[in-house]
Amino acid sequence: MIRYTLKCPDGHRFDSWFQNAAGYEKLQAAGQLACAVCGVSSVDKVMMAPGVHTAPAGPATADRQMPAPNLSEPGSDVEKAITAWRKHLTENSEYVGVQFAAEARRIHEGNAPERMIHGEARPEDARKLIEDGFPIAPLPFTPTRKVN
């Protein structure tokens, strides 16, 4: 795994992990990278220093050890906002899975009850919904049912 710091044209900087350098290049060439803050799909790597961890001089003691980060809690204001948004979404909308595009069309045409939905769509289906004027947006997280 390799971590890169990325930046969008609006100046938002964020880190992202990739399987390897070729994995980053493949996703970039396919236009599948997007800013974690504003969603724009034009992002580039920025210069960054390698993360080198050094041990403190002398024997390790309990008061000199770094506390382990709490990875179950959001680490930044952006992560807190995304966590709150995700909670609101799951409490106030229905997950329709890979049938998102079809269900959105059924609701729009009056063939299904009007309600808030979220799910997954192939890029070409999402593009068609946008072209047809549907108010949809990509989510900055994986639906709960898809998390390992």
N, C-alpha and C. Protein backbone atom coordinates (compact mmCIF):
# COMPACT_ATOMS: atom_id res chain seq x y z
N MET A 1 0.85 -1.18 0.00
CA MET A 1 0.00 0.00 0.00
C MET A 1 0.89 1.24 0.00
N ILE A 2 0.39 2.28 -0.67
CA ILE A 2 1.12 3.53 -0.73
C ILE A 2 0.13 4.67 -0.49
N ARG A 3 0.57 5.68 0.25
CA ARG A 3 -0.29 6.82 0.55
C ARG A 3 0.24 8.04 -0.20
N TYR A 4 -0.67 8.72 -0.90
CA TYR A 4 -0.32 9.95 -1.58
C TYR A 4 -1.15 11.09 -1.02
N THR A 5 -0.56 12.27 -0.97
CA THR A 5 -1.31 13.47 -0.67
C THR A 5 -1.77 14.02 -2.02
N LEU A 6 -3.07 14.28 -2.14
CA LEU A 6 -3.65 14.76 -3.39
C LEU A 6 -4.20 16.16 -3.17
N LYS A 7 -4.36 16.89 -4.28
CA LYS A 7 -4.87 18.26 -4.20
C LYS A 7 -5.73 18.54 -5.42
N CYS A 8 -6.86 19.21 -5.21
CA CYS A 8 -7.75 19.59 -6.30
C CYS A 8 -7.43 21.02 -6.73
N PRO A 9 -7.99 21.49 -7.85
CA PRO A 9 -7.74 22.86 -8.30
C PRO A 9 -8.18 23.94 -7.30
N ASP A 10 -9.14 23.60 -6.40
CA ASP A 10 -9.59 24.57 -5.40
C ASP A 10 -8.67 24.61 -4.18
N GLY A 11 -7.61 23.80 -4.18
CA GLY A 11 -6.64 23.82 -3.09
C GLY A 11 -6.92 22.87 -1.95
N HIS A 12 -7.97 22.07 -2.04
CA HIS A 12 -8.24 21.09 -0.98
C HIS A 12 -7.18 19.99 -1.05
N ARG A 13 -6.56 19.70 0.09
CA ARG A 13 -5.56 18.65 0.17
C ARG A 13 -6.11 17.51 1.01
N PHE A 14 -5.83 16.29 0.60
CA PHE A 14 -6.29 15.12 1.35
C PHE A 14 -5.38 13.96 1.00
N ASP A 15 -5.35 12.96 1.88
CA ASP A 15 -4.54 11.77 1.65
C ASP A 15 -5.42 10.63 1.17
N SER A 16 -4.84 9.77 0.35
CA SER A 16 -5.56 8.60 -0.13
C SER A 16 -4.57 7.45 -0.29
N TRP A 17 -5.05 6.25 -0.02
CA TRP A 17 -4.21 5.05 -0.11
C TRP A 17 -4.48 4.33 -1.42
N PHE A 18 -3.43 3.77 -1.99
CA PHE A 18 -3.52 3.02 -3.24
C PHE A 18 -2.74 1.72 -3.08
N GLN A 19 -3.12 0.73 -3.87
CA GLN A 19 -2.45 -0.56 -3.80
C GLN A 19 -0.96 -0.41 -4.13
N ASN A 20 -0.66 0.41 -5.12
CA ASN A 20 0.72 0.70 -5.52
C ASN A 20 0.69 1.92 -6.44
N ALA A 21 1.85 2.35 -6.91
CA ALA A 21 1.92 3.52 -7.77
C ALA A 21 1.14 3.30 -9.07
N ALA A 22 1.21 2.08 -9.62
CA ALA A 22 0.48 1.79 -10.85
C ALA A 22 -1.03 1.87 -10.62
N GLY A 23 -1.49 1.50 -9.43
CA GLY A 23 -2.91 1.60 -9.11
C GLY A 23 -3.38 3.04 -9.13
N TYR A 24 -2.55 3.94 -8.57
CA TYR A 24 -2.89 5.37 -8.63
C TYR A 24 -2.97 5.83 -10.08
N GLU A 25 -1.94 5.51 -10.86
CA GLU A 25 -1.89 5.95 -12.26
C GLU A 25 -3.10 5.45 -13.04
N LYS A 26 -3.51 4.21 -12.80
CA LYS A 26 -4.66 3.63 -13.51
C LYS A 26 -5.95 4.38 -13.16
N LEU A 27 -6.16 4.64 -11.88
CA LEU A 27 -7.37 5.36 -11.45
C LEU A 27 -7.36 6.80 -11.98
N GLN A 28 -6.21 7.44 -11.96
CA GLN A 28 -6.11 8.81 -12.46
C GLN A 28 -6.43 8.86 -13.95
N ALA A 29 -5.84 7.93 -14.73
CA ALA A 29 -6.07 7.90 -16.18
C ALA A 29 -7.53 7.65 -16.51
N ALA A 30 -8.22 6.87 -15.67
CA ALA A 30 -9.63 6.56 -15.90
C ALA A 30 -10.56 7.64 -15.37
N GLY A 31 -10.01 8.68 -14.73
CA GLY A 31 -10.84 9.76 -14.19
C GLY A 31 -11.65 9.33 -12.99
N GLN A 32 -11.14 8.36 -12.22
CA GLN A 32 -11.89 7.82 -11.09
C GLN A 32 -11.43 8.37 -9.74
N LEU A 33 -10.61 9.41 -9.76
CA LEU A 33 -10.20 10.05 -8.52
C LEU A 33 -10.98 11.35 -8.37
N ALA A 34 -11.41 11.65 -7.15
CA ALA A 34 -12.17 12.87 -6.91
C ALA A 34 -11.75 13.46 -5.57
N CYS A 35 -11.89 14.77 -5.46
CA CYS A 35 -11.57 15.48 -4.23
C CYS A 35 -12.49 15.00 -3.11
N ALA A 36 -11.90 14.71 -1.96
CA ALA A 36 -12.67 14.24 -0.81
C ALA A 36 -13.51 15.34 -0.19
N VAL A 37 -13.24 16.59 -0.54
CA VAL A 37 -13.97 17.72 0.04
C VAL A 37 -15.06 18.21 -0.90
N CYS A 38 -14.69 18.52 -2.16
CA CYS A 38 -15.68 19.13 -3.07
C CYS A 38 -16.14 18.21 -4.19
N GLY A 39 -15.48 17.05 -4.38
CA GLY A 39 -15.93 16.08 -5.36
C GLY A 39 -15.43 16.30 -6.77
N VAL A 40 -14.67 17.36 -7.03
CA VAL A 40 -14.17 17.60 -8.39
C VAL A 40 -13.23 16.46 -8.77
N SER A 41 -13.30 16.03 -10.03
CA SER A 41 -12.55 14.85 -10.44
C SER A 41 -11.16 15.17 -10.99
N SER A 42 -10.71 16.38 -10.85
CA SER A 42 -9.38 16.76 -11.31
C SER A 42 -8.47 16.90 -10.09
N VAL A 43 -7.76 15.84 -9.74
CA VAL A 43 -6.85 15.88 -8.60
C VAL A 43 -5.47 15.40 -9.05
N ASP A 44 -4.45 15.90 -8.40
CA ASP A 44 -3.07 15.52 -8.70
C ASP A 44 -2.32 15.27 -7.42
N LYS A 45 -1.23 14.50 -7.52
CA LYS A 45 -0.35 14.27 -6.38
C LYS A 45 0.40 15.57 -6.09
N VAL A 46 0.73 15.77 -4.82
CA VAL A 46 1.55 16.91 -4.44
C VAL A 46 2.82 16.39 -3.79
N MET A 47 3.83 17.24 -3.77
CA MET A 47 5.09 16.86 -3.12
C MET A 47 4.82 16.59 -1.65
N MET A 48 5.43 15.54 -1.14
CA MET A 48 5.24 15.22 0.26
C MET A 48 6.50 14.53 0.78
N ALA A 49 6.74 14.71 2.05
CA ALA A 49 7.88 14.08 2.69
C ALA A 49 7.48 12.66 3.11
N PRO A 50 8.41 11.73 3.07
CA PRO A 50 8.07 10.37 3.52
C PRO A 50 7.80 10.38 5.03
N GLY A 51 6.91 9.51 5.45
CA GLY A 51 6.59 9.39 6.87
C GLY A 51 7.60 8.49 7.55
N VAL A 52 8.59 9.07 8.20
CA VAL A 52 9.63 8.30 8.88
C VAL A 52 9.40 8.43 10.37
N HIS A 53 9.23 7.31 11.03
CA HIS A 53 9.01 7.31 12.47
C HIS A 53 10.31 6.91 13.15
N THR A 54 10.70 7.69 14.12
CA THR A 54 11.91 7.37 14.86
C THR A 54 11.55 7.10 16.31
N ALA A 55 12.31 6.22 16.92
CA ALA A 55 12.09 5.90 18.33
C ALA A 55 12.74 6.97 19.19
N PRO A 56 12.12 7.34 20.30
CA PRO A 56 12.74 8.32 21.18
C PRO A 56 14.04 7.76 21.77
N ALA A 57 14.98 8.63 22.09
CA ALA A 57 16.24 8.21 22.69
C ALA A 57 15.97 7.65 24.08
N GLY A 58 16.71 6.64 24.44
CA GLY A 58 16.59 6.05 25.77
C GLY A 58 15.50 5.00 25.83
N PRO A 59 15.37 4.35 26.95
CA PRO A 59 14.38 3.28 27.08
C PRO A 59 12.95 3.83 27.02
N ALA A 60 12.07 3.04 26.44
CA ALA A 60 10.67 3.44 26.35
C ALA A 60 10.02 3.33 27.72
N THR A 61 9.24 4.32 28.06
CA THR A 61 8.48 4.29 29.31
C THR A 61 7.03 4.57 28.99
N ALA A 62 6.16 4.26 29.91
CA ALA A 62 4.73 4.44 29.68
C ALA A 62 4.37 5.89 29.40
N ASP A 63 5.07 6.85 30.05
CA ASP A 63 4.73 8.26 29.84
C ASP A 63 5.33 8.82 28.55
N ARG A 64 6.22 8.08 27.86
CA ARG A 64 6.85 8.57 26.64
C ARG A 64 6.28 7.92 25.40
N GLN A 65 5.43 6.93 25.55
CA GLN A 65 4.88 6.26 24.37
C GLN A 65 3.73 7.07 23.80
N MET A 66 3.65 7.04 22.48
CA MET A 66 2.55 7.70 21.79
C MET A 66 1.28 6.88 21.99
N PRO A 67 0.17 7.53 22.33
CA PRO A 67 -1.07 6.77 22.46
C PRO A 67 -1.53 6.28 21.08
N ALA A 68 -2.11 5.12 21.06
CA ALA A 68 -2.63 4.58 19.80
C ALA A 68 -3.82 5.42 19.36
N PRO A 69 -3.90 5.76 18.06
CA PRO A 69 -5.05 6.55 17.61
C PRO A 69 -6.33 5.74 17.71
N ASN A 70 -7.42 6.42 18.00
CA ASN A 70 -8.73 5.78 18.06
C ASN A 70 -9.31 5.80 16.65
N LEU A 71 -9.14 4.71 15.91
CA LEU A 71 -9.56 4.67 14.51
C LEU A 71 -11.06 4.53 14.34
N SER A 72 -11.79 4.30 15.42
CA SER A 72 -13.25 4.21 15.30
C SER A 72 -13.92 5.57 15.42
N GLU A 73 -13.16 6.60 15.73
CA GLU A 73 -13.68 7.96 15.85
C GLU A 73 -13.18 8.81 14.69
N PRO A 74 -13.99 9.75 14.20
CA PRO A 74 -13.52 10.65 13.13
C PRO A 74 -12.31 11.44 13.59
N GLY A 75 -11.34 11.61 12.68
CA GLY A 75 -10.10 12.28 13.04
C GLY A 75 -10.04 13.74 12.64
N SER A 76 -11.00 14.25 11.88
CA SER A 76 -10.97 15.64 11.44
C SER A 76 -12.40 16.16 11.34
N ASP A 77 -12.52 17.47 11.13
CA ASP A 77 -13.85 18.07 10.98
C ASP A 77 -14.56 17.52 9.75
N VAL A 78 -13.81 17.27 8.67
CA VAL A 78 -14.41 16.71 7.45
C VAL A 78 -14.94 15.30 7.74
N GLU A 79 -14.14 14.47 8.43
CA GLU A 79 -14.59 13.12 8.77
C GLU A 79 -15.82 13.17 9.69
N LYS A 80 -15.86 14.12 10.61
CA LYS A 80 -17.02 14.26 11.50
C LYS A 80 -18.26 14.62 10.70
N ALA A 81 -18.11 15.54 9.73
CA ALA A 81 -19.25 15.95 8.90
C ALA A 81 -19.73 14.79 8.04
N ILE A 82 -18.82 14.03 7.48
CA ILE A 82 -19.20 12.88 6.65
C ILE A 82 -19.89 11.82 7.50
N THR A 83 -19.38 11.59 8.72
CA THR A 83 -20.01 10.63 9.62
C THR A 83 -21.44 11.06 9.97
N ALA A 84 -21.63 12.35 10.25
CA ALA A 84 -22.98 12.85 10.56
C ALA A 84 -23.89 12.74 9.35
N TRP A 85 -23.36 13.05 8.17
CA TRP A 85 -24.14 12.95 6.93
C TRP A 85 -24.56 11.51 6.67
N ARG A 86 -23.62 10.59 6.88
CA ARG A 86 -23.92 9.17 6.67
C ARG A 86 -25.03 8.71 7.62
N LYS A 87 -24.94 9.12 8.88
CA LYS A 87 -25.96 8.74 9.86
C LYS A 87 -27.32 9.29 9.44
N HIS A 88 -27.36 10.57 9.06
CA HIS A 88 -28.61 11.19 8.62
C HIS A 88 -29.18 10.45 7.40
N LEU A 89 -28.32 10.13 6.46
CA LEU A 89 -28.75 9.45 5.24
C LEU A 89 -29.36 8.08 5.55
N THR A 90 -28.68 7.29 6.37
CA THR A 90 -29.17 5.95 6.67
C THR A 90 -30.46 5.98 7.49
N GLU A 91 -30.64 7.02 8.31
CA GLU A 91 -31.85 7.13 9.12
C GLU A 91 -33.04 7.68 8.33
N ASN A 92 -32.77 8.42 7.23
CA ASN A 92 -33.84 9.12 6.54
C ASN A 92 -34.03 8.73 5.08
N SER A 93 -33.38 7.69 4.65
CA SER A 93 -33.57 7.23 3.27
C SER A 93 -33.47 5.71 3.22
N GLU A 94 -33.91 5.17 2.10
CA GLU A 94 -33.91 3.72 1.92
C GLU A 94 -32.77 3.31 0.99
N TYR A 95 -32.01 2.30 1.41
CA TYR A 95 -30.94 1.77 0.57
C TYR A 95 -31.58 0.82 -0.44
N VAL A 96 -31.39 1.12 -1.74
CA VAL A 96 -31.98 0.28 -2.79
C VAL A 96 -30.92 -0.48 -3.58
N GLY A 97 -29.69 -0.43 -3.13
CA GLY A 97 -28.62 -1.21 -3.74
C GLY A 97 -28.34 -0.83 -5.18
N VAL A 98 -28.04 -1.86 -5.98
CA VAL A 98 -27.67 -1.63 -7.39
C VAL A 98 -28.88 -1.28 -8.25
N GLN A 99 -30.06 -1.26 -7.68
CA GLN A 99 -31.27 -0.89 -8.41
C GLN A 99 -31.55 0.61 -8.32
N PHE A 100 -30.54 1.39 -7.89
CA PHE A 100 -30.75 2.83 -7.66
C PHE A 100 -31.31 3.54 -8.89
N ALA A 101 -30.68 3.38 -10.04
CA ALA A 101 -31.12 4.11 -11.25
C ALA A 101 -32.56 3.73 -11.62
N ALA A 102 -32.85 2.44 -11.60
CA ALA A 102 -34.19 1.98 -11.97
C ALA A 102 -35.23 2.49 -10.97
N GLU A 103 -34.90 2.43 -9.68
CA GLU A 103 -35.85 2.87 -8.65
C GLU A 103 -36.05 4.38 -8.71
N ALA A 104 -34.99 5.15 -8.98
CA ALA A 104 -35.12 6.61 -9.12
C ALA A 104 -36.07 6.94 -10.27
N ARG A 105 -35.94 6.23 -11.37
CA ARG A 105 -36.83 6.46 -12.52
C ARG A 105 -38.27 6.08 -12.17
N ARG A 106 -38.46 4.97 -11.46
CA ARG A 106 -39.83 4.55 -11.08
C ARG A 106 -40.48 5.61 -10.19
N ILE A 107 -39.71 6.15 -9.24
CA ILE A 107 -40.25 7.20 -8.36
C ILE A 107 -40.59 8.44 -9.17
N HIS A 108 -39.69 8.84 -10.05
CA HIS A 108 -39.89 10.03 -10.88
C HIS A 108 -41.12 9.90 -11.77
N GLU A 109 -41.38 8.71 -12.29
CA GLU A 109 -42.51 8.46 -13.19
C GLU A 109 -43.81 8.19 -12.44
N GLY A 110 -43.75 8.13 -11.11
CA GLY A 110 -44.95 7.89 -10.31
C GLY A 110 -45.32 6.43 -10.18
N ASN A 111 -44.42 5.53 -10.54
CA ASN A 111 -44.70 4.09 -10.46
C ASN A 111 -44.21 3.47 -9.15
N ALA A 112 -43.68 4.28 -8.26
CA ALA A 112 -43.24 3.83 -6.94
C ALA A 112 -43.49 4.97 -5.97
N PRO A 113 -43.67 4.68 -4.70
CA PRO A 113 -43.93 5.74 -3.72
C PRO A 113 -42.76 6.71 -3.65
N GLU A 114 -43.07 8.01 -3.55
CA GLU A 114 -42.03 9.02 -3.45
C GLU A 114 -41.36 8.93 -2.09
N ARG A 115 -40.04 8.84 -2.11
CA ARG A 115 -39.26 8.74 -0.88
C ARG A 115 -37.80 9.00 -1.20
N MET A 116 -37.01 9.24 -0.17
CA MET A 116 -35.57 9.43 -0.33
C MET A 116 -34.93 8.06 -0.46
N ILE A 117 -34.05 7.91 -1.43
CA ILE A 117 -33.35 6.64 -1.62
C ILE A 117 -31.86 6.91 -1.81
N HIS A 118 -31.06 5.89 -1.56
CA HIS A 118 -29.65 5.91 -1.91
C HIS A 118 -29.26 4.50 -2.31
N GLY A 119 -28.20 4.41 -3.09
CA GLY A 119 -27.77 3.10 -3.56
C GLY A 119 -26.57 3.23 -4.46
N GLU A 120 -26.47 2.31 -5.39
CA GLU A 120 -25.32 2.26 -6.27
C GLU A 120 -25.79 2.25 -7.72
N ALA A 121 -24.98 2.88 -8.57
CA ALA A 121 -25.32 2.93 -10.00
C ALA A 121 -24.04 2.83 -10.82
N ARG A 122 -24.14 2.20 -11.95
CA ARG A 122 -23.01 2.17 -12.87
C ARG A 122 -22.78 3.60 -13.36
N PRO A 123 -21.53 3.96 -13.69
CA PRO A 123 -21.26 5.34 -14.13
C PRO A 123 -22.15 5.78 -15.29
N GLU A 124 -22.38 4.91 -16.26
CA GLU A 124 -23.21 5.32 -17.41
C GLU A 124 -24.67 5.55 -17.00
N ASP A 125 -25.17 4.77 -16.03
CA ASP A 125 -26.54 4.98 -15.55
C ASP A 125 -26.65 6.30 -14.77
N ALA A 126 -25.65 6.58 -13.93
CA ALA A 126 -25.65 7.84 -13.17
C ALA A 126 -25.56 9.03 -14.13
N ARG A 127 -24.71 8.93 -15.14
CA ARG A 127 -24.57 10.00 -16.12
C ARG A 127 -25.89 10.27 -16.83
N LYS A 128 -26.61 9.20 -17.19
CA LYS A 128 -27.90 9.34 -17.87
C LYS A 128 -28.93 10.01 -16.95
N LEU A 129 -28.94 9.63 -15.67
CA LEU A 129 -29.85 10.28 -14.72
C LEU A 129 -29.57 11.78 -14.64
N ILE A 130 -28.30 12.15 -14.58
CA ILE A 130 -27.92 13.56 -14.50
C ILE A 130 -28.35 14.29 -15.78
N GLU A 131 -28.08 13.67 -16.94
CA GLU A 131 -28.47 14.28 -18.22
C GLU A 131 -29.98 14.48 -18.31
N ASP A 132 -30.75 13.57 -17.68
CA ASP A 132 -32.20 13.66 -17.70
C ASP A 132 -32.75 14.58 -16.62
N GLY A 133 -31.87 15.24 -15.86
CA GLY A 133 -32.30 16.23 -14.88
C GLY A 133 -32.63 15.70 -13.50
N PHE A 134 -32.23 14.48 -13.19
CA PHE A 134 -32.48 13.93 -11.86
C PHE A 134 -31.53 14.57 -10.85
N PRO A 135 -32.02 14.95 -9.67
CA PRO A 135 -31.15 15.56 -8.66
C PRO A 135 -30.41 14.48 -7.87
N ILE A 136 -29.30 13.99 -8.40
CA ILE A 136 -28.52 12.96 -7.72
C ILE A 136 -27.11 13.48 -7.47
N ALA A 137 -26.42 12.86 -6.54
CA ALA A 137 -25.04 13.22 -6.24
C ALA A 137 -24.32 11.98 -5.73
N PRO A 138 -23.02 11.87 -6.02
CA PRO A 138 -22.26 10.73 -5.49
C PRO A 138 -22.04 10.90 -3.99
N LEU A 139 -21.95 9.80 -3.29
CA LEU A 139 -21.70 9.83 -1.86
C LEU A 139 -20.20 9.67 -1.61
N PRO A 140 -19.66 10.37 -0.61
CA PRO A 140 -18.22 10.26 -0.33
C PRO A 140 -17.87 9.10 0.56
N PHE A 141 -18.69 8.06 0.57
CA PHE A 141 -18.42 6.88 1.39
C PHE A 141 -19.10 5.68 0.77
N THR A 142 -18.68 4.51 1.19
CA THR A 142 -19.27 3.26 0.72
C THR A 142 -20.51 2.96 1.55
N PRO A 143 -21.60 2.52 0.93
CA PRO A 143 -22.78 2.17 1.72
C PRO A 143 -22.42 1.16 2.80
N THR A 144 -23.08 1.28 3.94
CA THR A 144 -22.78 0.43 5.11
C THR A 144 -22.78 -1.05 4.76
N ARG A 145 -23.70 -1.48 3.92
CA ARG A 145 -23.78 -2.90 3.59
C ARG A 145 -22.57 -3.40 2.80
N LYS A 146 -21.76 -2.49 2.24
CA LYS A 146 -20.62 -2.89 1.43
C LYS A 146 -19.30 -2.82 2.19
N VAL A 147 -19.30 -2.39 3.44
CA VAL A 147 -18.06 -2.24 4.20
C VAL A 147 -17.63 -3.61 4.70
N ASN A 148 -16.33 -3.87 4.65
CA ASN A 148 -15.80 -5.16 5.14
C ASN A 148 -15.98 -5.28 6.62
